[in-house]
Amino acid sequence: MLAIKNNLMADTAARHLGRSYEALSASVERLSSGLRINSAKDDAAGLAVRELMRADIAVIQQGARNAQDGISMLQTMEGAMATIDDALIRMKELAEQAATGSYSSQQRNIMNNEFKQMAAEIT
């Protein structure tokens, strides 16, 4: 005679143990990653929102880098403008010196050469 035995309580306990193990695995995964959502099965809508927020953060970070690059470019241009301003001031001084009658033609030629060099540096 063949007898089939079924231990319903053992099957129920095994099923609950399996669910507990899955929940424990999910908790350990969340703890080790530091994220509330590790995959779409955890929270599909939350995952979509998280990915949109990550994309927004990346855009904002790139915008901040672009702004910093713009600031650096403006600082470089400011330095160049200061150099040009200094050259223009010196050119004005040379023009005023050359306009006085107290310099010889050789001295005026030297001033004129310096003036031309400064003009060439600006352009």
PDB file of N, CA and C in Angstrom:
ATOM      1  N   MET A   1       0.831  -1.151   0.000  1.00  0.00           N
ATOM      2  CA  MET A   1       0.000   0.000   0.000  1.00  0.00           C
ATOM      3  C   MET A   1       0.892   1.235   0.000  1.00  0.00           C
ATOM      4  N   LEU A   2       0.527   2.200  -0.788  1.00  0.00           N
ATOM      5  CA  LEU A   2       1.285   3.428  -0.956  1.00  0.00           C
ATOM      6  C   LEU A   2       0.618   4.527  -0.150  1.00  0.00           C
ATOM      7  N   ALA A   3       1.430   5.246   0.634  1.00  0.00           N
ATOM      8  CA  ALA A   3       0.884   6.329   1.453  1.00  0.00           C
ATOM      9  C   ALA A   3       1.565   7.640   1.078  1.00  0.00           C
ATOM     10  N   ILE A   4       0.779   8.639   0.868  1.00  0.00           N
ATOM     11  CA  ILE A   4       1.303   9.974   0.577  1.00  0.00           C
ATOM     12  C   ILE A   4       1.041  10.828   1.793  1.00  0.00           C
ATOM     13  N   LYS A   5       2.114  11.362   2.307  1.00  0.00           N
ATOM     14  CA  LYS A   5       1.984  12.200   3.487  1.00  0.00           C
ATOM     15  C   LYS A   5       2.299  13.640   3.101  1.00  0.00           C
ATOM     16  N   ASN A   6       1.580  14.521   3.665  1.00  0.00           N
ATOM     17  CA  ASN A   6       1.797  15.935   3.408  1.00  0.00           C
ATOM     18  C   ASN A   6       1.859  16.645   4.749  1.00  0.00           C
ATOM     19  N   ASN A   7       2.953  17.348   4.941  1.00  0.00           N
ATOM     20  CA  ASN A   7       3.102  18.082   6.187  1.00  0.00           C
ATOM     21  C   ASN A   7       2.813  19.549   5.880  1.00  0.00           C
ATOM     22  N   LEU A   8       1.575  19.928   6.051  1.00  0.00           N
ATOM     23  CA  LEU A   8       1.127  21.269   5.712  1.00  0.00           C
ATOM     24  C   LEU A   8       1.848  22.333   6.531  1.00  0.00           C
ATOM     25  N   MET A   9       2.077  22.074   7.775  1.00  0.00           N
ATOM     26  CA  MET A   9       2.749  23.056   8.623  1.00  0.00           C
ATOM     27  C   MET A   9       4.197  23.268   8.188  1.00  0.00           C
ATOM     28  N   ALA A  10       4.876  22.201   7.780  1.00  0.00           N
ATOM     29  CA  ALA A  10       6.261  22.323   7.325  1.00  0.00           C
ATOM     30  C   ALA A  10       6.317  23.100   6.013  1.00  0.00           C
ATOM     31  N   ASP A  11       5.367  22.845   5.109  1.00  0.00           N
ATOM     32  CA  ASP A  11       5.331  23.588   3.849  1.00  0.00           C
ATOM     33  C   ASP A  11       5.083  25.075   4.094  1.00  0.00           C
ATOM     34  N   THR A  12       4.176  25.386   4.989  1.00  0.00           N
ATOM     35  CA  THR A  12       3.874  26.786   5.313  1.00  0.00           C
ATOM     36  C   THR A  12       5.089  27.457   5.933  1.00  0.00           C
ATOM     37  N   ALA A  13       5.746  26.769   6.834  1.00  0.00           N
ATOM     38  CA  ALA A  13       6.945  27.326   7.469  1.00  0.00           C
ATOM     39  C   ALA A  13       8.048  27.549   6.437  1.00  0.00           C
ATOM     40  N   ALA A  14       8.212  26.612   5.504  1.00  0.00           N
ATOM     41  CA  ALA A  14       9.238  26.756   4.467  1.00  0.00           C
ATOM     42  C   ALA A  14       8.919  27.939   3.557  1.00  0.00           C
ATOM     43  N   ARG A  15       7.630  28.106   3.218  1.00  0.00           N
ATOM     44  CA  ARG A  15       7.233  29.232   2.370  1.00  0.00           C
ATOM     45  C   ARG A  15       7.498  30.563   3.087  1.00  0.00           C
ATOM     46  N   HIS A  16       7.135  30.653   4.349  1.00  0.00           N
ATOM     47  CA  HIS A  16       7.390  31.873   5.130  1.00  0.00           C
ATOM     48  C   HIS A  16       8.886  32.124   5.299  1.00  0.00           C
ATOM     49  N   LEU A  17       9.644  31.059   5.468  1.00  0.00           N
ATOM     50  CA  LEU A  17      11.098  31.200   5.583  1.00  0.00           C
ATOM     51  C   LEU A  17      11.685  31.747   4.278  1.00  0.00           C
ATOM     52  N   GLY A  18      11.207  31.262   3.142  1.00  0.00           N
ATOM     53  CA  GLY A  18      11.667  31.761   1.842  1.00  0.00           C
ATOM     54  C   GLY A  18      11.347  33.238   1.665  1.00  0.00           C
ATOM     55  N   ARG A  19      10.127  33.643   2.058  1.00  0.00           N
ATOM     56  CA  ARG A  19       9.755  35.059   1.957  1.00  0.00           C
ATOM     57  C   ARG A  19      10.619  35.915   2.886  1.00  0.00           C
ATOM     58  N   SER A  20      10.858  35.406   4.067  1.00  0.00           N
ATOM     59  CA  SER A  20      11.701  36.145   5.015  1.00  0.00           C
ATOM     60  C   SER A  20      13.118  36.291   4.476  1.00  0.00           C
ATOM     61  N   TYR A  21      13.619  35.234   3.846  1.00  0.00           N
ATOM     62  CA  TYR A  21      14.964  35.289   3.266  1.00  0.00           C
ATOM     63  C   TYR A  21      15.023  36.318   2.137  1.00  0.00           C
ATOM     64  N   GLU A  22      13.984  36.354   1.283  1.00  0.00           N
ATOM     65  CA  GLU A  22      13.940  37.348   0.201  1.00  0.00           C
ATOM     66  C   GLU A  22      13.890  38.765   0.761  1.00  0.00           C
ATOM     67  N   ALA A  23      13.092  38.968   1.808  1.00  0.00           N
ATOM     68  CA  ALA A  23      13.008  40.298   2.427  1.00  0.00           C
ATOM     69  C   ALA A  23      14.340  40.678   3.055  1.00  0.00           C
ATOM     70  N   LEU A  24      15.005  39.713   3.680  1.00  0.00           N
ATOM     71  CA  LEU A  24      16.316  39.967   4.274  1.00  0.00           C
ATOM     72  C   LEU A  24      17.332  40.323   3.191  1.00  0.00           C
ATOM     73  N   SER A  25      17.299  39.605   2.076  1.00  0.00           N
ATOM     74  CA  SER A  25      18.220  39.902   0.971  1.00  0.00           C
ATOM     75  C   SER A  25      17.987  41.310   0.434  1.00  0.00           C
ATOM     76  N   ALA A  26      16.714  41.690   0.286  1.00  0.00           N
ATOM     77  CA  ALA A  26      16.404  43.039  -0.205  1.00  0.00           C
ATOM     78  C   ALA A  26      16.888  44.094   0.788  1.00  0.00           C
ATOM     79  N   SER A  27      16.702  43.839   2.079  1.00  0.00           N
ATOM     80  CA  SER A  27      17.153  44.796   3.102  1.00  0.00           C
ATOM     81  C   SER A  27      18.666  44.936   3.103  1.00  0.00           C
ATOM     82  N   VAL A  28      19.364  43.819   2.984  1.00  0.00           N
ATOM     83  CA  VAL A  28      20.831  43.863   2.947  1.00  0.00           C
ATOM     84  C   VAL A  28      21.301  44.607   1.698  1.00  0.00           C
ATOM     85  N   GLU A  29      20.629  44.380   0.564  1.00  0.00           N
ATOM     86  CA  GLU A  29      20.998  45.080  -0.677  1.00  0.00           C
ATOM     87  C   GLU A  29      20.808  46.585  -0.518  1.00  0.00           C
ATOM     88  N   ARG A  30      19.688  46.994   0.091  1.00  0.00           N
ATOM     89  CA  ARG A  30      19.447  48.424   0.305  1.00  0.00           C
ATOM     90  C   ARG A  30      20.475  49.015   1.259  1.00  0.00           C
ATOM     91  N   LEU A  31      20.775  48.295   2.307  1.00  0.00           N
ATOM     92  CA  LEU A  31      21.758  48.791   3.277  1.00  0.00           C
ATOM     93  C   LEU A  31      23.140  48.916   2.657  1.00  0.00           C
ATOM     94  N   SER A  32      23.527  47.926   1.868  1.00  0.00           N
ATOM     95  CA  SER A  32      24.876  47.954   1.301  1.00  0.00           C
ATOM     96  C   SER A  32      25.019  49.006   0.208  1.00  0.00           C
ATOM     97  N   SER A  33      23.936  49.285  -0.532  1.00  0.00           N
ATOM     98  CA  SER A  33      24.025  50.286  -1.599  1.00  0.00           C
ATOM     99  C   SER A  33      23.716  51.686  -1.088  1.00  0.00           C
ATOM    100  N   GLY A  34      22.999  51.779   0.013  1.00  0.00           N
ATOM    101  CA  GLY A  34      22.621  53.086   0.532  1.00  0.00           C
ATOM    102  C   GLY A  34      21.444  53.696  -0.213  1.00  0.00           C
ATOM    103  N   LEU A  35      20.830  52.937  -1.098  1.00  0.00           N
ATOM    104  CA  LEU A  35      19.707  53.438  -1.887  1.00  0.00           C
ATOM    105  C   LEU A  35      18.410  52.796  -1.429  1.00  0.00           C
ATOM    106  N   ARG A  36      17.324  53.584  -1.481  1.00  0.00           N
ATOM    107  CA  ARG A  36      16.020  53.022  -1.151  1.00  0.00           C
ATOM    108  C   ARG A  36      15.512  52.178  -2.313  1.00  0.00           C
ATOM    109  N   ILE A  37      15.856  52.596  -3.518  1.00  0.00           N
ATOM    110  CA  ILE A  37      15.408  51.891  -4.723  1.00  0.00           C
ATOM    111  C   ILE A  37      16.643  51.367  -5.447  1.00  0.00           C
ATOM    112  N   ASN A  38      16.751  50.057  -5.545  1.00  0.00           N
ATOM    113  CA  ASN A  38      17.880  49.446  -6.237  1.00  0.00           C
ATOM    114  C   ASN A  38      17.509  48.965  -7.632  1.00  0.00           C
ATOM    115  N   SER A  39      16.248  48.645  -7.830  1.00  0.00           N
ATOM    116  CA  SER A  39      15.800  48.188  -9.144  1.00  0.00           C
ATOM    117  C   SER A  39      14.330  48.546  -9.301  1.00  0.00           C
ATOM    118  N   ALA A  40      13.807  48.339 -10.492  1.00  0.00           N
ATOM    119  CA  ALA A  40      12.418  48.688 -10.775  1.00  0.00           C
ATOM    120  C   ALA A  40      11.448  47.879  -9.928  1.00  0.00           C
ATOM    121  N   LYS A  41      11.846  46.700  -9.505  1.00  0.00           N
ATOM    122  CA  LYS A  41      10.927  45.884  -8.706  1.00  0.00           C
ATOM    123  C   LYS A  41      10.716  46.470  -7.315  1.00  0.00           C
ATOM    124  N   ASP A  42      11.652  47.295  -6.835  1.00  0.00           N
ATOM    125  CA  ASP A  42      11.484  47.919  -5.523  1.00  0.00           C
ATOM    126  C   ASP A  42      10.392  48.985  -5.566  1.00  0.00           C
ATOM    127  N   ASP A  43      10.419  49.839  -6.583  1.00  0.00           N
ATOM    128  CA  ASP A  43       9.432  50.914  -6.729  1.00  0.00           C
ATOM    129  C   ASP A  43       9.608  51.493  -8.127  1.00  0.00           C
ATOM    130  N   ALA A  44       8.814  51.007  -9.075  1.00  0.00           N
ATOM    131  CA  ALA A  44       8.983  51.405 -10.475  1.00  0.00           C
ATOM    132  C   ALA A  44       8.781  52.906 -10.658  1.00  0.00           C
ATOM    133  N   ALA A  45       7.736  53.454 -10.049  1.00  0.00           N
ATOM    134  CA  ALA A  45       7.482  54.894 -10.187  1.00  0.00           C
ATOM    135  C   ALA A  45       8.589  55.688  -9.504  1.00  0.00           C
ATOM    136  N   GLY A  46       9.004  55.233  -8.343  1.00  0.00           N
ATOM    137  CA  GLY A  46      10.091  55.905  -7.627  1.00  0.00           C
ATOM    138  C   GLY A  46      11.387  55.866  -8.416  1.00  0.00           C
ATOM    139  N   LEU A  47      11.630  54.746  -9.100  1.00  0.00           N
ATOM    140  CA  LEU A  47      12.834  54.627  -9.931  1.00  0.00           C
ATOM    141  C   LEU A  47      12.786  55.625 -11.085  1.00  0.00           C
ATOM    142  N   ALA A  48      11.623  55.769 -11.703  1.00  0.00           N
ATOM    143  CA  ALA A  48      11.490  56.730 -12.804  1.00  0.00           C
ATOM    144  C   ALA A  48      11.731  58.149 -12.308  1.00  0.00           C
ATOM    145  N   VAL A  49      11.162  58.487 -11.155  1.00  0.00           N
ATOM    146  CA  VAL A  49      11.366  59.821 -10.578  1.00  0.00           C
ATOM    147  C   VAL A  49      12.836  60.021 -10.239  1.00  0.00           C
ATOM    148  N   ARG A  50      13.461  58.995  -9.662  1.00  0.00           N
ATOM    149  CA  ARG A  50      14.882  59.096  -9.298  1.00  0.00           C
ATOM    150  C   ARG A  50      15.745  59.346 -10.530  1.00  0.00           C
ATOM    151  N   GLU A  51      15.467  58.636 -11.611  1.00  0.00           N
ATOM    152  CA  GLU A  51      16.261  58.811 -12.828  1.00  0.00           C
ATOM    153  C   GLU A  51      16.050  60.194 -13.436  1.00  0.00           C
ATOM    154  N   LEU A  52      14.816  60.708 -13.385  1.00  0.00           N
ATOM    155  CA  LEU A  52      14.566  62.071 -13.867  1.00  0.00           C
ATOM    156  C   LEU A  52      15.320  63.088 -13.015  1.00  0.00           C
ATOM    157  N   MET A  53      15.323  62.861 -11.712  1.00  0.00           N
ATOM    158  CA  MET A  53      16.042  63.774 -10.817  1.00  0.00           C
ATOM    159  C   MET A  53      17.545  63.698 -11.066  1.00  0.00           C
ATOM    160  N   ARG A  54      18.051  62.508 -11.310  1.00  0.00           N
ATOM    161  CA  ARG A  54      19.480  62.371 -11.627  1.00  0.00           C
ATOM    162  C   ARG A  54      19.822  63.132 -12.903  1.00  0.00           C
ATOM    163  N   ALA A  55      18.948  63.038 -13.898  1.00  0.00           N
ATOM    164  CA  ALA A  55      19.182  63.766 -15.152  1.00  0.00           C
ATOM    165  C   ALA A  55      19.152  65.274 -14.902  1.00  0.00           C
ATOM    166  N   ASP A  56      18.190  65.735 -14.094  1.00  0.00           N
ATOM    167  CA  ASP A  56      18.115  67.165 -13.768  1.00  0.00           C
ATOM    168  C   ASP A  56      19.363  67.624 -13.029  1.00  0.00           C
ATOM    169  N   ILE A  57      19.828  66.810 -12.100  1.00  0.00           N
ATOM    170  CA  ILE A  57      21.043  67.157 -11.347  1.00  0.00           C
ATOM    171  C   ILE A  57      22.240  67.247 -12.286  1.00  0.00           C
ATOM    172  N   ALA A  58      22.340  66.308 -13.219  1.00  0.00           N
ATOM    173  CA  ALA A  58      23.455  66.336 -14.176  1.00  0.00           C
ATOM    174  C   ALA A  58      23.403  67.602 -15.025  1.00  0.00           C
ATOM    175  N   VAL A  59      22.198  68.012 -15.434  1.00  0.00           N
ATOM    176  CA  VAL A  59      22.049  69.239 -16.228  1.00  0.00           C
ATOM    177  C   VAL A  59      22.461  70.452 -15.403  1.00  0.00           C
ATOM    178  N   ILE A  60      22.036  70.498 -14.150  1.00  0.00           N
ATOM    179  CA  ILE A  60      22.387  71.624 -13.277  1.00  0.00           C
ATOM    180  C   ILE A  60      23.891  71.666 -13.038  1.00  0.00           C
ATOM    181  N   GLN A  61      24.494  70.509 -12.814  1.00  0.00           N
ATOM    182  CA  GLN A  61      25.946  70.472 -12.606  1.00  0.00           C
ATOM    183  C   GLN A  61      26.689  70.945 -13.847  1.00  0.00           C
ATOM    184  N   GLN A  62      26.221  70.549 -15.031  1.00  0.00           N
ATOM    185  CA  GLN A  62      26.860  71.008 -16.263  1.00  0.00           C
ATOM    186  C   GLN A  62      26.683  72.512 -16.418  1.00  0.00           C
ATOM    187  N   GLY A  63      25.516  73.016 -16.058  1.00  0.00           N
ATOM    188  CA  GLY A  63      25.288  74.456 -16.103  1.00  0.00           C
ATOM    189  C   GLY A  63      26.235  75.206 -15.181  1.00  0.00           C
ATOM    190  N   ALA A  64      26.479  74.642 -13.999  1.00  0.00           N
ATOM    191  CA  ALA A  64      27.421  75.269 -13.062  1.00  0.00           C
ATOM    192  C   ALA A  64      28.834  75.263 -13.634  1.00  0.00           C
ATOM    193  N   ARG A  65      29.222  74.146 -14.276  1.00  0.00           N
ATOM    194  CA  ARG A  65      30.551  74.093 -14.901  1.00  0.00           C
ATOM    195  C   ARG A  65      30.653  75.107 -16.042  1.00  0.00           C
ATOM    196  N   ASN A  66      29.576  75.234 -16.826  1.00  0.00           N
ATOM    197  CA  ASN A  66      29.569  76.212 -17.917  1.00  0.00           C
ATOM    198  C   ASN A  66      29.697  77.631 -17.373  1.00  0.00           C
ATOM    199  N   ALA A  67      28.978  77.915 -16.290  1.00  0.00           N
ATOM    200  CA  ALA A  67      29.066  79.248 -15.690  1.00  0.00           C
ATOM    201  C   ALA A  67      30.481  79.520 -15.194  1.00  0.00           C
ATOM    202  N   GLN A  68      31.101  78.521 -14.579  1.00  0.00           N
ATOM    203  CA  GLN A  68      32.474  78.696 -14.095  1.00  0.00           C
ATOM    204  C   GLN A  68      33.432  78.921 -15.260  1.00  0.00           C
ATOM    205  N   ASP A  69      33.221  78.200 -16.354  1.00  0.00           N
ATOM    206  CA  ASP A  69      34.048  78.422 -17.553  1.00  0.00           C
ATOM    207  C   ASP A  69      33.866  79.843 -18.077  1.00  0.00           C
ATOM    208  N   GLY A  70      32.625  80.330 -18.061  1.00  0.00           N
ATOM    209  CA  GLY A  70      32.358  81.697 -18.498  1.00  0.00           C
ATOM    210  C   GLY A  70      33.047  82.718 -17.611  1.00  0.00           C
ATOM    211  N   ILE A  71      33.025  82.476 -16.303  1.00  0.00           N
ATOM    212  CA  ILE A  71      33.708  83.376 -15.364  1.00  0.00           C
ATOM    213  C   ILE A  71      35.203  83.382 -15.635  1.00  0.00           C
ATOM    214  N   SER A  72      35.769  82.210 -15.859  1.00  0.00           N
ATOM    215  CA  SER A  72      37.204  82.130 -16.157  1.00  0.00           C
ATOM    216  C   SER A  72      37.540  82.883 -17.439  1.00  0.00           C
ATOM    217  N   MET A  73      36.682  82.748 -18.448  1.00  0.00           N
ATOM    218  CA  MET A  73      36.919  83.441 -19.709  1.00  0.00           C
ATOM    219  C   MET A  73      36.855  84.956 -19.505  1.00  0.00           C
ATOM    220  N   LEU A  74      35.880  85.409 -18.724  1.00  0.00           N
ATOM    221  CA  LEU A  74      35.762  86.844 -18.449  1.00  0.00           C
ATOM    222  C   LEU A  74      36.969  87.368 -17.676  1.00  0.00           C
ATOM    223  N   GLN A  75      37.480  86.565 -16.743  1.00  0.00           N
ATOM    224  CA  GLN A  75      38.670  86.985 -15.999  1.00  0.00           C
ATOM    225  C   GLN A  75      39.874  87.099 -16.927  1.00  0.00           C
ATOM    226  N   THR A  76      39.985  86.167 -17.865  1.00  0.00           N
ATOM    227  CA  THR A  76      41.078  86.232 -18.842  1.00  0.00           C
ATOM    228  C   THR A  76      40.944  87.482 -19.705  1.00  0.00           C
ATOM    229  N   MET A  77      39.719  87.749 -20.160  1.00  0.00           N
ATOM    230  CA  MET A  77      39.503  88.942 -20.982  1.00  0.00           C
ATOM    231  C   MET A  77      39.758  90.215 -20.182  1.00  0.00           C
ATOM    232  N   GLU A  78      39.411  90.193 -18.903  1.00  0.00           N
ATOM    233  CA  GLU A  78      39.659  91.358 -18.057  1.00  0.00           C
ATOM    234  C   GLU A  78      41.157  91.634 -17.953  1.00  0.00           C
ATOM    235  N   GLY A  79      41.951  90.591 -17.808  1.00  0.00           N
ATOM    236  CA  GLY A  79      43.405  90.752 -17.771  1.00  0.00           C
ATOM    237  C   GLY A  79      43.944  91.309 -19.078  1.00  0.00           C
ATOM    238  N   ALA A  80      43.409  90.811 -20.188  1.00  0.00           N
ATOM    239  CA  ALA A  80      43.847  91.311 -21.498  1.00  0.00           C
ATOM    240  C   ALA A  80      43.459  92.773 -21.671  1.00  0.00           C
ATOM    241  N   MET A  81      42.264  93.126 -21.228  1.00  0.00           N
ATOM    242  CA  MET A  81      41.824  94.524 -21.335  1.00  0.00           C
ATOM    243  C   MET A  81      42.692  95.440 -20.474  1.00  0.00           C
ATOM    244  N   ALA A  82      43.106  94.972 -19.307  1.00  0.00           N
ATOM    245  CA  ALA A  82      43.986  95.783 -18.453  1.00  0.00           C
ATOM    246  C   ALA A  82      45.326  96.017 -19.145  1.00  0.00           C
ATOM    247  N   THR A  83      45.840  94.986 -19.814  1.00  0.00           N
ATOM    248  CA  THR A  83      47.104  95.126 -20.549  1.00  0.00           C
ATOM    249  C   THR A  83      46.950  96.123 -21.696  1.00  0.00           C
ATOM    250  N   ILE A  84      45.840  96.028 -22.415  1.00  0.00           N
ATOM    251  CA  ILE A  84      45.584  96.967 -23.515  1.00  0.00           C
ATOM    252  C   ILE A  84      45.431  98.386 -22.975  1.00  0.00           C
ATOM    253  N   ASP A  85      44.743  98.521 -21.851  1.00  0.00           N
ATOM    254  CA  ASP A  85      44.565  99.840 -21.241  1.00  0.00           C
ATOM    255  C   ASP A  85      45.913 100.451 -20.870  1.00  0.00           C
ATOM    256  N   ASP A  86      46.785  99.637 -20.280  1.00  0.00           N
ATOM    257  CA  ASP A  86      48.128 100.131 -19.934  1.00  0.00           C
ATOM    258  C   ASP A  86      48.882 100.575 -21.183  1.00  0.00           C
ATOM    259  N   ALA A  87      48.765  99.799 -22.254  1.00  0.00           N
ATOM    260  CA  ALA A  87      49.453 100.151 -23.503  1.00  0.00           C
ATOM    261  C   ALA A  87      48.898 101.453 -24.079  1.00  0.00           C
ATOM    262  N   LEU A  88      47.584 101.624 -24.034  1.00  0.00           N
ATOM    263  CA  LEU A  88      46.986 102.860 -24.552  1.00  0.00           C
ATOM    264  C   LEU A  88      47.410 104.082 -23.738  1.00  0.00           C
ATOM    265  N   ILE A  89      47.499 103.905 -22.429  1.00  0.00           N
ATOM    266  CA  ILE A  89      47.968 105.013 -21.582  1.00  0.00           C
ATOM    267  C   ILE A  89      49.396 105.387 -21.952  1.00  0.00           C
ATOM    268  N   ARG A  90      50.233 104.373 -22.132  1.00  0.00           N
ATOM    269  CA  ARG A  90      51.628 104.647 -22.508  1.00  0.00           C
ATOM    270  C   ARG A  90      51.684 105.304 -23.885  1.00  0.00           C
ATOM    271  N   MET A  91      50.857 104.860 -24.819  1.00  0.00           N
ATOM    272  CA  MET A  91      50.841 105.463 -26.151  1.00  0.00           C
ATOM    273  C   MET A  91      50.427 106.938 -26.072  1.00  0.00           C
ATOM    274  N   LYS A  92      49.465 107.243 -25.213  1.00  0.00           N
ATOM    275  CA  LYS A  92      49.049 108.636 -25.036  1.00  0.00           C
ATOM    276  C   LYS A  92      50.195 109.468 -24.466  1.00  0.00           C
ATOM    277  N   GLU A  93      50.901 108.895 -23.486  1.00  0.00           N
ATOM    278  CA  GLU A  93      52.059 109.599 -22.910  1.00  0.00           C
ATOM    279  C   GLU A  93      53.108 109.884 -23.983  1.00  0.00           C
ATOM    280  N   LEU A  94      53.385 108.875 -24.813  1.00  0.00           N
ATOM    281  CA  LEU A  94      54.377 109.060 -25.882  1.00  0.00           C
ATOM    282  C   LEU A  94      53.939 110.144 -26.867  1.00  0.00           C
ATOM    283  N   ALA A  95      52.646 110.150 -27.214  1.00  0.00           N
ATOM    284  CA  ALA A  95      52.144 111.152 -28.159  1.00  0.00           C
ATOM    285  C   ALA A  95      52.277 112.557 -27.576  1.00  0.00           C
ATOM    286  N   GLU A  96      51.978 112.692 -26.293  1.00  0.00           N
ATOM    287  CA  GLU A  96      52.094 114.006 -25.650  1.00  0.00           C
ATOM    288  C   GLU A  96      53.556 114.440 -25.543  1.00  0.00           C
ATOM    289  N   GLN A  97      54.440 113.495 -25.241  1.00  0.00           N
ATOM    290  CA  GLN A  97      55.870 113.824 -25.158  1.00  0.00           C
ATOM    291  C   GLN A  97      56.402 114.258 -26.523  1.00  0.00           C
ATOM    292  N   ALA A  98      55.999 113.517 -27.553  1.00  0.00           N
ATOM    293  CA  ALA A  98      56.503 113.824 -28.897  1.00  0.00           C
ATOM    294  C   ALA A  98      55.966 115.164 -29.397  1.00  0.00           C
ATOM    295  N   ALA A  99      54.800 115.582 -28.884  1.00  0.00           N
ATOM    296  CA  ALA A  99      54.198 116.836 -29.336  1.00  0.00           C
ATOM    297  C   ALA A  99      54.915 118.062 -28.775  1.00  0.00           C
ATOM    298  N   THR A 100      55.654 117.898 -27.711  1.00  0.00           N
ATOM    299  CA  THR A 100      56.380 119.047 -27.153  1.00  0.00           C
ATOM    300  C   THR A 100      57.598 119.337 -28.011  1.00  0.00           C
ATOM    301  N   GLY A 101      58.059 120.531 -27.968  1.00  0.00           N
ATOM    302  CA  GLY A 101      59.197 120.917 -28.796  1.00  0.00           C
ATOM    303  C   GLY A 101      60.537 120.680 -28.156  1.00  0.00           C
ATOM    304  N   SER A 102      60.572 120.019 -27.020  1.00  0.00           N
ATOM    305  CA  SER A 102      61.845 119.864 -26.307  1.00  0.00           C
ATOM    306  C   SER A 102      62.630 118.615 -26.706  1.00  0.00           C
ATOM    307  N   TYR A 103      62.101 117.794 -27.623  1.00  0.00           N
ATOM    308  CA  TYR A 103      62.803 116.565 -28.019  1.00  0.00           C
ATOM    309  C   TYR A 103      63.350 116.708 -29.437  1.00  0.00           C
ATOM    310  N   SER A 104      64.469 116.043 -29.653  1.00  0.00           N
ATOM    311  CA  SER A 104      65.076 116.061 -30.992  1.00  0.00           C
ATOM    312  C   SER A 104      64.325 115.091 -31.903  1.00  0.00           C
ATOM    313  N   SER A 105      64.607 115.173 -33.189  1.00  0.00           N
ATOM    314  CA  SER A 105      63.943 114.275 -34.142  1.00  0.00           C
ATOM    315  C   SER A 105      64.334 112.822 -33.888  1.00  0.00           C
ATOM    316  N   GLN A 106      65.576 112.579 -33.458  1.00  0.00           N
ATOM    317  CA  GLN A 106      66.002 111.208 -33.141  1.00  0.00           C
ATOM    318  C   GLN A 106      65.205 110.674 -31.949  1.00  0.00           C
ATOM    319  N   GLN A 107      64.998 111.499 -30.930  1.00  0.00           N
ATOM    320  CA  GLN A 107      64.214 111.076 -29.768  1.00  0.00           C
ATOM    321  C   GLN A 107      62.749 110.843 -30.160  1.00  0.00           C
ATOM    322  N   ARG A 108      62.225 111.688 -31.049  1.00  0.00           N
ATOM    323  CA  ARG A 108      60.848 111.501 -31.517  1.00  0.00           C
ATOM    324  C   ARG A 108      60.722 110.200 -32.320  1.00  0.00           C
ATOM    325  N   ASN A 109      61.748 109.857 -33.094  1.00  0.00           N
ATOM    326  CA  ASN A 109      61.741 108.584 -33.838  1.00  0.00           C
ATOM    327  C   ASN A 109      61.721 107.400 -32.877  1.00  0.00           C
ATOM    328  N   ILE A 110      62.487 107.490 -31.801  1.00  0.00           N
ATOM    329  CA  ILE A 110      62.496 106.417 -30.791  1.00  0.00           C
ATOM    330  C   ILE A 110      61.101 106.290 -30.172  1.00  0.00           C
ATOM    331  N   MET A 111      60.493 107.438 -29.829  1.00  0.00           N
ATOM    332  CA  MET A 111      59.135 107.424 -29.268  1.00  0.00           C
ATOM    333  C   MET A 111      58.141 106.864 -30.285  1.00  0.00           C
ATOM    334  N   ASN A 112      58.312 107.246 -31.540  1.00  0.00           N
ATOM    335  CA  ASN A 112      57.430 106.760 -32.596  1.00  0.00           C
ATOM    336  C   ASN A 112      57.559 105.245 -32.764  1.00  0.00           C
ATOM    337  N   ASN A 113      58.786 104.726 -32.697  1.00  0.00           N
ATOM    338  CA  ASN A 113      58.991 103.270 -32.802  1.00  0.00           C
ATOM    339  C   ASN A 113      58.313 102.546 -31.640  1.00  0.00           C
ATOM    340  N   GLU A 114      58.463 103.089 -30.427  1.00  0.00           N
ATOM    341  CA  GLU A 114      57.805 102.470 -29.264  1.00  0.00           C
ATOM    342  C   GLU A 114      56.286 102.522 -29.436  1.00  0.00           C
ATOM    343  N   PHE A 115      55.779 103.654 -29.919  1.00  0.00           N
ATOM    344  CA  PHE A 115      54.344 103.816 -30.159  1.00  0.00           C
ATOM    345  C   PHE A 115      53.841 102.756 -31.142  1.00  0.00           C
ATOM    346  N   LYS A 116      54.583 102.569 -32.244  1.00  0.00           N
ATOM    347  CA  LYS A 116      54.192 101.582 -33.257  1.00  0.00           C
ATOM    348  C   LYS A 116      54.231 100.157 -32.708  1.00  0.00           C
ATOM    349  N   GLN A 117      55.243  99.854 -31.871  1.00  0.00           N
ATOM    350  CA  GLN A 117      55.329  98.521 -31.265  1.00  0.00           C
ATOM    351  C   GLN A 117      54.118  98.266 -30.370  1.00  0.00           C
ATOM    352  N   MET A 118      53.753  99.262 -29.587  1.00  0.00           N
ATOM    353  CA  MET A 118      52.599  99.090 -28.694  1.00  0.00           C
ATOM    354  C   MET A 118      51.311  98.939 -29.503  1.00  0.00           C
ATOM    355  N   ALA A 119      51.194  99.698 -30.579  1.00  0.00           N
ATOM    356  CA  ALA A 119      50.009  99.576 -31.438  1.00  0.00           C
ATOM    357  C   ALA A 119      49.948  98.186 -32.064  1.00  0.00           C
ATOM    358  N   ALA A 120      51.100  97.648 -32.443  1.00  0.00           N
ATOM    359  CA  ALA A 120      51.140  96.297 -33.026  1.00  0.00           C
ATOM    360  C   ALA A 120      50.765  95.239 -31.988  1.00  0.00           C
ATOM    361  N   GLU A 121      51.138  95.441 -30.728  1.00  0.00           N
ATOM    362  CA  GLU A 121      50.793  94.481 -29.674  1.00  0.00           C
ATOM    363  C   GLU A 121      49.293  94.457 -29.414  1.00  0.00           C
ATOM    364  N   ILE A 122      48.662  95.603 -29.567  1.00  0.00           N
ATOM    365  CA  ILE A 122      47.217  95.678 -29.317  1.00  0.00           C
ATOM    366  C   ILE A 122      46.442  94.966 -30.418  1.00  0.00           C
ATOM    367  N   THR A 123      46.895  95.109 -31.656  1.00  0.00           N
ATOM    368  CA  THR A 123      46.145  94.515 -32.766  1.00  0.00           C
ATOM    369  C   THR A 123      46.572  93.131 -33.081  1.00  0.00           C
TER     370      THR A 123
END
